[in-house]
Amino acid sequence: MTTRADAVDIAAPRPRGGIVQSVNDSLVVAKRNLIRMLRIPEMIIFGLIQPIMFVVLFSYVFGGSISVDGNTSPAAYREFLMAGIFAQTVTFATAGAGAGIADDMHKGLIDRFRSLPMARGAVLTGRTLADLVQTALTLVVLALVALLVGWRTHENLGKVLAGFGLLLLLGYAFSWIGALIGLSVRTPEAATSGGLIWLFPLTFISNAFVPSDNMPTFLRYIAEWNPFSATVQAARELFGNLPPGYVAPDAWPMQHPVWASLIWSVLIIVFFRTLAVRKYRSATA
């Protein structure tokens, strides 16, 4: 009996802690979503077309027509523009995240995950991590296109990577908003529409495409305290793309954009992840 009990003890897997199990389960779900993306390459291709079009159109159509601190040269506008395009790209991935989760809900895949002995929040965390990898790939391609049209950075490699890190952090934060939307609607089409409709005012009432100085007072106030604007400003600062002699607006996020970007992104992650996991539990209860 003792030998048999010892054998059972040896064969039995050691119980994992809650955090360890959650991390492992999240990575498994992320791997599943990445494999799915590779098997459907058009998801990645179509995700690249829109930001590339924005780069080309804004660079050559609006370049030379918009004044950046009194400078109307196309080269100056391209350097001003690219941080905004990068930020818009990572935030627009929100719609894809929401649509993917809504599609999983619609097909009953979430119910299958629910029947498995896995951490509840791992399904959403794995999905958002996979979306983060796809967003990083998109940023790499977009940066290469930007270099081809004349964009350049003027800081060391560490600061440039930090700038891209803040952009990816913002994209990851917004993917949790997309997750909440995807859990709150009935169809992937509704998730796509719900994920985009609020992003347009968020990204255009900002400093992404034009300086906020000439906006009406109430719009300028919104733009300067917009979390999207903080990340754009931080990226410009870290890329060395601020115009010579540039004087930042008096608003705290514009005076300390790196800290503002970090704080906004962390707050969004904490708040919307909490809501999304709670929604997921009630939706699959």
Protein backbone atom coordinates (compact mmCIF):
# COMPACT_ATOMS: atom_id res chain seq x y z
CA MET A 1 0.00 0.00 0.00
CA THR A 2 2.85 2.36 0.84
CA THR A 3 4.61 1.69 -2.45
CA ARG A 4 1.39 2.20 -4.38
CA ALA A 5 0.66 5.50 -2.58
CA ASP A 6 4.18 6.70 -3.23
CA ALA A 7 3.76 5.91 -6.92
CA VAL A 8 0.54 7.87 -7.04
CA ASP A 9 2.23 10.81 -5.30
CA ILE A 10 5.08 10.74 -7.80
CA ALA A 11 2.76 10.53 -10.80
CA ALA A 12 0.41 13.24 -9.62
CA PRO A 13 1.26 16.70 -11.01
CA ARG A 14 2.20 19.33 -8.54
CA PRO A 15 -0.48 21.96 -8.12
CA ARG A 16 0.42 25.28 -9.67
CA GLY A 17 -0.12 28.61 -8.05
CA GLY A 18 -2.78 30.95 -9.36
CA ILE A 19 -0.36 33.37 -11.01
CA VAL A 20 1.71 30.60 -12.62
CA GLN A 21 -1.38 28.90 -13.99
CA SER A 22 -2.79 32.17 -15.28
CA VAL A 23 0.48 33.02 -17.08
CA ASN A 24 0.81 29.56 -18.63
CA ASP A 25 -2.82 29.47 -19.72
CA SER A 26 -2.56 32.97 -21.19
CA LEU A 27 0.49 31.96 -23.23
CA VAL A 28 -1.30 28.87 -24.54
CA VAL A 29 -4.28 30.96 -25.67
CA ALA A 30 -1.93 33.56 -27.19
CA LYS A 31 -0.15 30.79 -29.14
CA ARG A 32 -3.50 29.51 -30.40
CA ASN A 33 -4.44 32.97 -31.68
CA LEU A 34 -1.05 33.54 -33.31
CA ILE A 35 -1.29 30.21 -35.16
CA ARG A 36 -4.76 31.22 -36.33
CA MET A 37 -3.39 34.53 -37.63
CA LEU A 38 -0.64 32.72 -39.55
CA ARG A 39 -3.21 30.43 -41.15
CA ILE A 40 -5.24 33.47 -42.25
CA PRO A 41 -2.50 35.80 -43.62
CA GLU A 42 -5.05 38.18 -45.12
CA MET A 43 -5.79 39.34 -41.56
CA ILE A 44 -2.24 40.68 -41.34
CA ILE A 45 -2.10 41.96 -44.92
CA PHE A 46 -5.33 43.96 -44.69
CA GLY A 47 -4.22 45.27 -41.31
CA LEU A 48 -1.14 46.74 -43.01
CA ILE A 49 -2.86 48.36 -45.99
CA GLN A 50 -4.72 51.12 -44.13
CA PRO A 51 -1.76 52.52 -42.13
CA ILE A 52 0.47 52.41 -45.22
CA MET A 53 -2.18 54.37 -47.14
CA PHE A 54 -2.32 56.93 -44.31
CA VAL A 55 1.47 57.36 -44.42
CA VAL A 56 1.56 57.90 -48.17
CA LEU A 57 -1.53 60.10 -48.40
CA PHE A 58 -0.75 62.34 -45.44
CA SER A 59 2.92 62.65 -46.44
CA TYR A 60 2.35 63.63 -50.05
CA VAL A 61 -1.14 65.17 -50.01
CA PHE A 62 -0.95 67.23 -46.81
CA GLY A 63 2.83 67.61 -46.64
CA GLY A 64 3.70 71.21 -47.50
CA SER A 65 0.15 72.43 -46.79
CA ILE A 66 0.20 72.24 -42.99
CA SER A 67 2.38 74.52 -40.91
CA VAL A 68 4.33 72.98 -38.03
CA ASP A 69 5.62 75.80 -35.84
CA GLY A 70 5.80 78.06 -38.89
CA ASN A 71 7.54 75.47 -41.07
CA THR A 72 5.53 74.25 -44.07
CA SER A 73 8.15 71.97 -45.64
CA PRO A 74 7.00 68.40 -46.43
CA ALA A 75 9.99 66.95 -44.58
CA ALA A 76 9.06 68.80 -41.37
CA TYR A 77 5.48 67.60 -41.58
CA ARG A 78 6.55 63.98 -42.20
CA GLU A 79 8.59 63.98 -39.00
CA PHE A 80 5.70 65.57 -37.13
CA LEU A 81 3.19 63.15 -38.65
CA MET A 82 4.74 59.74 -38.14
CA ALA A 83 4.29 59.46 -34.37
CA GLY A 84 0.59 60.21 -34.91
CA ILE A 85 0.28 57.54 -37.62
CA PHE A 86 2.03 55.00 -35.41
CA ALA A 87 -0.29 55.80 -32.51
CA GLN A 88 -3.38 55.66 -34.71
CA THR A 89 -2.32 52.26 -36.03
CA VAL A 90 -1.90 50.68 -32.60
CA THR A 91 -5.21 52.07 -31.35
CA PHE A 92 -7.18 51.03 -34.44
CA ALA A 93 -6.19 47.44 -33.64
CA THR A 94 -8.84 47.76 -30.92
CA ALA A 95 -11.57 47.02 -33.45
CA GLY A 96 -9.87 43.79 -34.51
CA ALA A 97 -9.50 42.65 -30.92
CA GLY A 98 -13.16 43.28 -30.20
CA ALA A 99 -14.31 41.56 -33.39
CA GLY A 100 -12.14 38.50 -32.67
CA ILE A 101 -13.54 38.05 -29.18
CA ALA A 102 -17.09 38.63 -30.38
CA ASP A 103 -16.53 35.99 -33.07
CA ASP A 104 -15.27 33.49 -30.49
CA MET A 105 -18.32 34.21 -28.36
CA HIS A 106 -20.65 33.83 -31.34
CA LYS A 107 -19.14 30.48 -32.35
CA GLY A 108 -19.27 29.10 -28.81
CA LEU A 109 -15.49 28.83 -28.52
CA ILE A 110 -15.53 30.72 -25.24
CA ASP A 111 -17.88 28.10 -23.79
CA ARG A 112 -15.37 25.39 -24.73
CA PHE A 113 -12.61 27.27 -22.96
CA ARG A 114 -14.87 27.62 -19.98
CA SER A 115 -15.18 23.83 -19.70
CA LEU A 116 -11.40 23.48 -19.36
CA PRO A 117 -9.47 23.75 -16.07
CA MET A 118 -7.91 27.10 -16.88
CA ALA A 119 -7.76 30.57 -15.41
CA ARG A 120 -10.80 32.61 -16.42
CA GLY A 121 -8.89 35.76 -17.35
CA ALA A 122 -6.41 33.78 -19.48
CA VAL A 123 -8.73 33.72 -22.49
CA LEU A 124 -8.80 37.50 -22.70
CA THR A 125 -5.15 37.98 -21.72
CA GLY A 126 -4.01 35.49 -24.34
CA ARG A 127 -6.08 37.21 -26.99
CA THR A 128 -4.73 40.66 -26.15
CA LEU A 129 -1.14 39.36 -26.11
CA ALA A 130 -1.59 37.85 -29.57
CA ASP A 131 -3.00 41.16 -30.80
CA LEU A 132 0.04 42.90 -29.30
CA VAL A 133 2.38 40.68 -31.33
CA GLN A 134 0.43 41.45 -34.50
CA THR A 135 0.52 45.17 -33.71
CA ALA A 136 4.30 45.03 -33.18
CA LEU A 137 4.72 43.39 -36.59
CA THR A 138 2.55 46.07 -38.16
CA LEU A 139 4.66 48.80 -36.52
CA VAL A 140 7.87 47.29 -37.91
CA VAL A 141 6.50 47.29 -41.46
CA LEU A 142 5.06 50.76 -41.03
CA ALA A 143 8.38 52.13 -39.74
CA LEU A 144 10.14 50.74 -42.84
CA VAL A 145 7.58 52.45 -45.09
CA ALA A 146 8.04 55.69 -43.14
CA LEU A 147 11.80 55.50 -43.68
CA LEU A 148 11.19 55.07 -47.41
CA VAL A 149 9.12 58.28 -47.59
CA GLY A 150 11.74 60.28 -45.71
CA TRP A 151 10.98 59.94 -41.98
CA ARG A 152 14.03 59.95 -39.73
CA THR A 153 14.74 59.75 -36.00
CA HIS A 154 17.28 62.00 -34.28
CA GLU A 155 17.83 60.29 -30.94
CA ASN A 156 19.78 57.23 -29.82
CA LEU A 157 18.50 53.70 -30.30
CA GLY A 158 17.43 53.36 -26.66
CA LYS A 159 15.09 56.35 -26.84
CA VAL A 160 13.68 55.24 -30.19
CA LEU A 161 12.90 51.78 -28.81
CA ALA A 162 11.35 53.40 -25.73
CA GLY A 163 9.12 55.43 -28.03
CA PHE A 164 7.91 52.30 -29.79
CA GLY A 165 7.48 50.64 -26.39
CA LEU A 166 5.09 53.40 -25.28
CA LEU A 167 3.15 53.03 -28.52
CA LEU A 168 2.78 49.28 -28.00
CA LEU A 169 1.76 49.82 -24.39
CA LEU A 170 -0.98 52.18 -25.54
CA GLY A 171 -2.10 49.63 -28.13
CA TYR A 172 -2.20 46.89 -25.48
CA ALA A 173 -4.22 49.16 -23.18
CA PHE A 174 -6.74 49.90 -25.90
CA SER A 175 -7.03 46.21 -26.78
CA TRP A 176 -8.69 45.73 -23.37
CA ILE A 177 -11.28 48.31 -24.38
CA GLY A 178 -11.80 46.24 -27.52
CA ALA A 179 -12.14 43.09 -25.41
CA LEU A 180 -14.86 44.70 -23.32
CA ILE A 181 -16.70 45.83 -26.45
CA GLY A 182 -16.41 42.36 -27.98
CA LEU A 183 -17.95 40.80 -24.88
CA SER A 184 -20.76 43.36 -24.78
CA VAL A 185 -22.16 42.95 -28.31
CA ARG A 186 -23.80 40.06 -30.11
CA THR A 187 -21.97 39.95 -33.45
CA PRO A 188 -18.44 40.57 -34.78
CA GLU A 189 -19.83 43.24 -37.13
CA ALA A 190 -21.21 45.18 -34.17
CA ALA A 191 -17.87 44.83 -32.39
CA THR A 192 -16.03 46.26 -35.40
CA SER A 193 -18.38 49.24 -35.62
CA GLY A 194 -18.34 49.78 -31.87
CA GLY A 195 -14.57 49.57 -31.83
CA LEU A 196 -14.10 52.24 -34.50
CA ILE A 197 -16.85 54.78 -33.92
CA TRP A 198 -15.23 56.31 -30.81
CA LEU A 199 -11.67 56.04 -32.13
CA PHE A 200 -12.13 58.63 -34.87
CA PRO A 201 -12.89 61.57 -32.54
CA LEU A 202 -10.25 60.31 -30.10
CA THR A 203 -7.50 60.28 -32.71
CA PHE A 204 -8.51 63.40 -34.64
CA ILE A 205 -9.18 65.63 -31.61
CA SER A 206 -5.53 65.30 -30.72
CA ASN A 207 -2.10 66.48 -31.73
CA ALA A 208 -1.57 63.51 -34.07
CA PHE A 209 -2.03 65.21 -37.44
CA VAL A 210 -2.03 68.93 -36.72
CA PRO A 211 -0.70 71.05 -33.83
CA SER A 212 -3.35 71.72 -31.21
CA ASP A 213 -2.44 75.43 -30.94
CA ASN A 214 -5.02 76.63 -33.50
CA MET A 215 -7.92 74.54 -32.19
CA PRO A 216 -10.86 76.22 -30.40
CA THR A 217 -10.22 76.47 -26.67
CA PHE A 218 -12.45 73.59 -25.57
CA LEU A 219 -11.10 71.26 -28.29
CA ARG A 220 -7.52 72.23 -27.46
CA TYR A 221 -8.13 71.35 -23.81
CA ILE A 222 -9.52 67.94 -24.81
CA ALA A 223 -6.62 67.33 -27.19
CA GLU A 224 -3.97 68.21 -24.62
CA TRP A 225 -5.44 65.89 -21.97
CA ASN A 226 -6.20 63.11 -24.42
CA PRO A 227 -4.23 59.91 -23.54
CA PHE A 228 -3.69 59.42 -27.25
CA SER A 229 -2.06 62.87 -27.51
CA ALA A 230 0.22 62.14 -24.56
CA THR A 231 1.62 59.05 -26.28
CA VAL A 232 2.02 60.88 -29.59
CA GLN A 233 3.88 63.70 -27.85
CA ALA A 234 6.07 61.23 -25.95
CA ALA A 235 6.93 59.35 -29.14
CA ARG A 236 7.86 62.58 -30.92
CA GLU A 237 10.07 63.56 -28.01
CA LEU A 238 11.79 60.16 -27.89
CA PHE A 239 12.21 60.01 -31.68
CA GLY A 240 13.62 63.54 -31.76
CA ASN A 241 10.83 64.66 -34.11
CA LEU A 242 9.77 67.82 -32.29
CA PRO A 243 10.36 70.96 -34.40
CA PRO A 244 13.41 73.10 -33.52
CA GLY A 245 12.57 75.62 -30.83
CA TYR A 246 9.29 73.86 -30.07
CA VAL A 247 7.51 75.08 -26.93
CA ALA A 248 5.11 72.54 -25.44
CA PRO A 249 1.61 73.62 -24.33
CA ASP A 250 1.17 74.38 -20.64
CA ALA A 251 -1.00 71.30 -19.94
CA TRP A 252 0.78 68.80 -17.67
CA PRO A 253 0.53 65.85 -20.12
CA MET A 254 2.24 67.91 -22.80
CA GLN A 255 4.95 69.09 -20.41
CA HIS A 256 5.62 65.52 -19.17
CA PRO A 257 4.42 63.33 -22.04
CA VAL A 258 6.41 60.18 -21.20
CA TRP A 259 5.06 60.00 -17.66
CA ALA A 260 1.58 60.97 -18.82
CA SER A 261 1.63 58.23 -21.45
CA LEU A 262 2.72 55.60 -18.93
CA ILE A 263 0.14 56.66 -16.36
CA TRP A 264 -2.72 56.78 -18.88
CA SER A 265 -1.86 53.37 -20.35
CA VAL A 266 -1.54 51.66 -16.97
CA LEU A 267 -4.81 53.16 -15.73
CA ILE A 268 -6.63 52.05 -18.89
CA ILE A 269 -5.24 48.51 -18.58
CA VAL A 270 -6.19 48.18 -14.91
CA PHE A 271 -9.67 49.66 -15.34
CA PHE A 272 -10.76 47.97 -18.55
CA ARG A 273 -9.13 44.61 -17.79
CA THR A 274 -11.10 44.50 -14.55
CA LEU A 275 -14.33 45.29 -16.38
CA ALA A 276 -13.59 42.88 -19.23
CA VAL A 277 -12.78 39.92 -16.94
CA ARG A 278 -15.89 40.63 -14.89
CA LYS A 279 -17.97 40.78 -18.08
CA TYR A 280 -16.39 37.56 -19.32
CA ARG A 281 -17.29 35.74 -16.11
CA SER A 282 -20.89 36.93 -16.24
CA ALA A 283 -21.19 36.21 -19.96
CA THR A 284 -20.00 32.63 -19.56
CA ALA A 285 -21.70 31.93 -16.23
